Amino acid sequence: MNKNVGNKDKAVRVILGILFVAAGFGFGGAWLALAVVGAVLLITAATGFCGLYTLLGINTCKLSSDDK
């Protein structure tokens, strides 16, 4: 798995992930789906890999000169 999530993208995912998880557990019921989406955002931020980005051919991760 090559990393395809850049630093700015990770920051947005972490912020949204925390908000979604908090909303999901705070309100309960149907909002629990938000918690699942938030967890996925946090996992993709932590791993630096997004499967959906791979399918769509998106890469927000900039390569350093050592990675080329």
C-alpha atoms as a PDB file:
ATOM      1  CA  MET A   1       0.000   0.000   0.000  1.00  0.00           C
ATOM      2  CA  ASN A   2       1.527   3.256  -1.151  1.00  0.00           C
ATOM      3  CA  LYS A   3       0.655   6.352   0.833  1.00  0.00           C
ATOM      4  CA  ASN A   4      -1.733   8.600  -1.056  1.00  0.00           C
ATOM      5  CA  VAL A   5      -2.973  10.979   1.673  1.00  0.00           C
ATOM      6  CA  GLY A   6      -0.967  14.191   2.139  1.00  0.00           C
ATOM      7  CA  ASN A   7      -0.398  16.185   5.325  1.00  0.00           C
ATOM      8  CA  LYS A   8      -3.134  18.799   4.732  1.00  0.00           C
ATOM      9  CA  ASP A   9      -5.545  16.042   3.793  1.00  0.00           C
ATOM     10  CA  LYS A  10      -4.625  14.162   6.994  1.00  0.00           C
ATOM     11  CA  ALA A  11      -5.265  17.242   9.134  1.00  0.00           C
ATOM     12  CA  VAL A  12      -8.733  17.710   7.635  1.00  0.00           C
ATOM     13  CA  ARG A  13      -9.501  14.021   8.085  1.00  0.00           C
ATOM     14  CA  VAL A  14      -8.457  14.090  11.749  1.00  0.00           C
ATOM     15  CA  ILE A  15     -10.580  17.162  12.525  1.00  0.00           C
ATOM     16  CA  LEU A  16     -13.646  15.822  10.698  1.00  0.00           C
ATOM     17  CA  GLY A  17     -13.096  12.334  12.100  1.00  0.00           C
ATOM     18  CA  ILE A  18     -13.081  13.591  15.691  1.00  0.00           C
ATOM     19  CA  LEU A  19     -16.176  15.722  15.093  1.00  0.00           C
ATOM     20  CA  PHE A  20     -18.061  12.863  13.413  1.00  0.00           C
ATOM     21  CA  VAL A  21     -17.167  10.330  16.110  1.00  0.00           C
ATOM     22  CA  ALA A  22     -18.181  12.778  18.854  1.00  0.00           C
ATOM     23  CA  ALA A  23     -21.480  13.561  17.099  1.00  0.00           C
ATOM     24  CA  GLY A  24     -22.164   9.884  16.464  1.00  0.00           C
ATOM     25  CA  PHE A  25     -21.689   8.845  20.064  1.00  0.00           C
ATOM     26  CA  GLY A  26     -23.170  12.044  21.481  1.00  0.00           C
ATOM     27  CA  PHE A  27     -26.511  11.778  19.705  1.00  0.00           C
ATOM     28  CA  GLY A  28     -26.724   7.984  19.300  1.00  0.00           C
ATOM     29  CA  GLY A  29     -29.320   6.240  17.157  1.00  0.00           C
ATOM     30  CA  ALA A  30     -29.003   6.937  13.428  1.00  0.00           C
ATOM     31  CA  TRP A  31     -26.127   9.295  14.177  1.00  0.00           C
ATOM     32  CA  LEU A  32     -24.011   6.235  14.929  1.00  0.00           C
ATOM     33  CA  ALA A  33     -23.343   5.963  11.184  1.00  0.00           C
ATOM     34  CA  LEU A  34     -21.488   9.273  11.520  1.00  0.00           C
ATOM     35  CA  ALA A  35     -19.231   7.669  14.113  1.00  0.00           C
ATOM     36  CA  VAL A  36     -18.353   4.925  11.622  1.00  0.00           C
ATOM     37  CA  VAL A  37     -17.517   7.495   8.929  1.00  0.00           C
ATOM     38  CA  GLY A  38     -15.438   9.400  11.481  1.00  0.00           C
ATOM     39  CA  ALA A  39     -13.554   6.239  12.425  1.00  0.00           C
ATOM     40  CA  VAL A  40     -12.765   5.551   8.761  1.00  0.00           C
ATOM     41  CA  LEU A  41     -11.458   9.119   8.384  1.00  0.00           C
ATOM     42  CA  LEU A  42      -9.222   8.694  11.439  1.00  0.00           C
ATOM     43  CA  ILE A  43      -7.893   5.345  10.210  1.00  0.00           C
ATOM     44  CA  THR A  44      -7.077   6.695   6.747  1.00  0.00           C
ATOM     45  CA  ALA A  45      -5.345   9.687   8.332  1.00  0.00           C
ATOM     46  CA  ALA A  46      -3.288   7.427  10.597  1.00  0.00           C
ATOM     47  CA  THR A  47      -2.245   5.041   7.820  1.00  0.00           C
ATOM     48  CA  GLY A  48      -1.828   7.649   5.080  1.00  0.00           C
ATOM     49  CA  PHE A  49      -3.710   5.385   2.685  1.00  0.00           C
ATOM     50  CA  CYS A  50      -7.211   5.768   1.254  1.00  0.00           C
ATOM     51  CA  GLY A  51      -8.626   2.943  -0.855  1.00  0.00           C
ATOM     52  CA  LEU A  52     -11.154   5.242  -2.501  1.00  0.00           C
ATOM     53  CA  TYR A  53      -8.329   7.542  -3.609  1.00  0.00           C
ATOM     54  CA  THR A  54      -6.654   4.536  -5.237  1.00  0.00           C
ATOM     55  CA  LEU A  55      -9.815   3.677  -7.168  1.00  0.00           C
ATOM     56  CA  LEU A  56     -10.217   7.286  -8.312  1.00  0.00           C
ATOM     57  CA  GLY A  57      -6.519   7.803  -9.097  1.00  0.00           C
ATOM     58  CA  ILE A  58      -6.115  10.607  -6.536  1.00  0.00           C
ATOM     59  CA  ASN A  59      -2.872  11.219  -4.646  1.00  0.00           C
ATOM     60  CA  THR A  60      -2.490  14.194  -2.283  1.00  0.00           C
ATOM     61  CA  CYS A  61       0.804  12.936  -0.842  1.00  0.00           C
ATOM     62  CA  LYS A  62       3.830  14.795  -2.130  1.00  0.00           C
ATOM     63  CA  LEU A  63       6.908  12.663  -2.642  1.00  0.00           C
ATOM     64  CA  SER A  64      10.204  13.795  -1.170  1.00  0.00           C
ATOM     65  CA  SER A  65      13.369  13.534  -3.279  1.00  0.00           C
ATOM     66  CA  ASP A  66      14.245  10.319  -1.387  1.00  0.00           C
ATOM     67  CA  ASP A  67      10.954   8.642  -2.393  1.00  0.00           C
ATOM     68  CA  LYS A  68      11.414   8.987  -6.165  1.00  0.00           C
END
